[in-house]
Amino acid sequence: MNLNQVTVPSLDLTKSVPFYEKMGLKLIVKALPHYARFECPDGDATFSIHQTENLPSGGGIYVYFECEDLDNRVEELISVGIEFDELPNDKPWLWREARLKDLDGNQIILYYGGVNRKNPPWRI
């Protein structure tokens, strides 16, 4: 089994699509107003957004995108107007992370986990 894609909800894809393109994702399916799909710049995974009338309540959705050059990538995104809630910092779970929200409040985490991504010291 291999993860193909993750899909998040959006109230307005005409605003969400340009946001994710600015983040560096490549639009490959544009079925507005209901659906859009992107390729990630690295790897084979894809990411999509679908139109919804209501956003999830509670903690919402968290999506992690790994970036080997996290600090530089965050600087690049800031330079094109992307606003971060949390700049890159080292976490106790041995990842370096930066956090932001998309236009619908979905939590986006850019991170670098290195060897600890799948093999932290506490792995079973």
Protein backbone atom coordinates (compact mmCIF):
# COMPACT_ATOMS: atom_id res chain seq x y z
CA MET A 1 0.00 0.00 0.00
CA ASN A 2 1.23 3.53 -0.80
CA LEU A 3 -0.33 6.89 0.04
CA ASN A 4 -1.66 8.48 -3.12
CA GLN A 5 -3.14 11.75 -1.96
CA VAL A 6 -4.59 13.78 0.86
CA THR A 7 -7.66 15.94 0.26
CA VAL A 8 -8.65 18.94 2.38
CA PRO A 9 -11.86 20.98 2.37
CA SER A 10 -12.17 24.52 1.08
CA LEU A 11 -15.00 27.02 0.96
CA ASP A 12 -13.66 28.73 -2.18
CA LEU A 13 -11.26 26.95 -4.52
CA THR A 14 -10.78 30.08 -6.64
CA LYS A 15 -8.84 31.46 -3.64
CA SER A 16 -7.30 28.17 -2.45
CA VAL A 17 -5.75 27.14 -5.78
CA PRO A 18 -3.52 30.25 -6.07
CA PHE A 19 -2.50 29.85 -2.41
CA TYR A 20 -1.25 26.30 -2.95
CA GLU A 21 0.43 27.23 -6.23
CA LYS A 22 2.28 29.97 -4.33
CA MET A 23 3.30 27.29 -1.82
CA GLY A 24 5.03 25.47 -4.70
CA LEU A 25 2.53 22.76 -5.61
CA LYS A 26 1.87 22.12 -9.33
CA LEU A 27 -1.78 22.18 -10.41
CA ILE A 28 -2.61 19.05 -12.45
CA VAL A 29 -6.43 18.90 -12.24
CA LYS A 30 -8.61 22.00 -12.29
CA ALA A 31 -12.27 21.03 -11.97
CA LEU A 32 -13.54 24.27 -10.43
CA PRO A 33 -15.54 25.10 -8.49
CA HIS A 34 -15.56 21.65 -6.88
CA TYR A 35 -12.09 20.11 -7.05
CA ALA A 36 -8.40 20.71 -7.73
CA ARG A 37 -5.39 18.42 -7.49
CA PHE A 38 -1.69 19.17 -7.26
CA GLU A 39 1.60 17.34 -7.59
CA CYS A 40 4.09 17.78 -4.81
CA PRO A 41 7.46 19.07 -6.04
CA ASP A 42 9.24 16.00 -4.61
CA GLY A 43 8.10 12.40 -4.50
CA ASP A 44 4.99 10.84 -6.00
CA ALA A 45 2.27 12.02 -3.62
CA THR A 46 -0.47 14.39 -4.67
CA PHE A 47 -2.58 16.85 -2.70
CA SER A 48 -6.10 17.97 -3.46
CA ILE A 49 -8.78 20.34 -2.27
CA HIS A 50 -12.52 19.94 -2.59
CA GLN A 51 -15.32 22.42 -2.18
CA THR A 52 -17.45 22.13 0.92
CA GLU A 53 -20.20 24.23 2.42
CA ASN A 54 -18.94 23.75 5.99
CA LEU A 55 -15.45 23.41 7.37
CA PRO A 56 -14.62 20.80 10.03
CA SER A 57 -14.96 21.89 13.64
CA GLY A 58 -12.54 21.25 16.45
CA GLY A 59 -8.84 20.80 15.79
CA GLY A 60 -9.35 20.56 12.05
CA ILE A 61 -6.96 19.02 9.57
CA TYR A 62 -3.16 18.88 9.79
CA VAL A 63 -1.08 18.28 6.65
CA TYR A 64 2.69 17.78 6.80
CA PHE A 65 4.97 18.55 3.85
CA GLU A 66 8.62 17.55 4.28
CA CYS A 67 11.30 19.98 3.05
CA GLU A 68 14.99 19.09 3.26
CA ASP A 69 15.86 22.79 3.01
CA LEU A 70 13.17 23.90 5.46
CA ASP A 71 14.64 27.21 6.59
CA ASN A 72 15.38 28.37 3.05
CA ARG A 73 11.96 27.24 1.83
CA VAL A 74 10.23 29.21 4.60
CA GLU A 75 12.27 32.31 3.70
CA GLU A 76 11.24 31.92 0.04
CA LEU A 77 7.57 31.59 0.97
CA ILE A 78 7.69 34.63 3.24
CA SER A 79 9.24 36.61 0.38
CA VAL A 80 6.18 35.84 -1.82
CA GLY A 81 3.70 36.81 0.88
CA ILE A 82 2.96 33.57 2.72
CA GLU A 83 2.41 34.26 6.42
CA PHE A 84 3.56 31.78 9.05
CA ASP A 85 2.13 31.27 12.53
CA GLU A 86 5.37 29.63 13.68
CA LEU A 87 8.80 29.96 12.10
CA PRO A 88 11.17 26.96 11.87
CA ASN A 89 12.13 25.58 15.26
CA ASP A 90 13.33 22.29 16.70
CA LYS A 91 10.68 20.09 18.31
CA PRO A 92 11.07 17.53 21.14
CA TRP A 93 10.06 14.76 18.69
CA LEU A 94 13.32 15.53 16.78
CA TRP A 95 11.77 17.30 13.79
CA ARG A 96 12.26 20.91 12.73
CA GLU A 97 8.90 22.53 11.89
CA ALA A 98 7.26 25.70 10.66
CA ARG A 99 3.49 26.17 10.81
CA LEU A 100 0.88 28.14 8.91
CA LYS A 101 -2.79 27.90 8.01
CA ASP A 102 -4.30 27.90 4.57
CA LEU A 103 -7.19 30.22 3.72
CA ASP A 104 -9.69 27.75 5.19
CA GLY A 105 -7.84 27.25 8.47
CA ASN A 106 -6.32 23.86 7.59
CA GLN A 107 -3.04 23.53 9.51
CA ILE A 108 -0.04 23.19 7.19
CA ILE A 109 3.25 22.07 8.70
CA LEU A 110 6.46 22.29 6.72
CA TYR A 111 9.06 20.16 8.42
CA TYR A 112 12.29 18.27 8.15
CA GLY A 113 12.51 15.00 10.03
CA GLY A 114 15.54 13.38 8.45
CA VAL A 115 16.26 9.91 9.82
CA ASN A 116 13.76 10.62 12.64
CA ARG A 117 10.89 10.94 10.16
CA LYS A 118 10.25 7.20 10.28
CA ASN A 119 12.88 5.98 12.71
CA PRO A 120 12.86 8.03 15.91
CA PRO A 121 14.73 6.57 18.89
CA TRP A 122 11.41 5.46 20.45
CA ARG A 123 10.19 3.55 17.39
CA ILE A 124 8.62 0.19 18.21
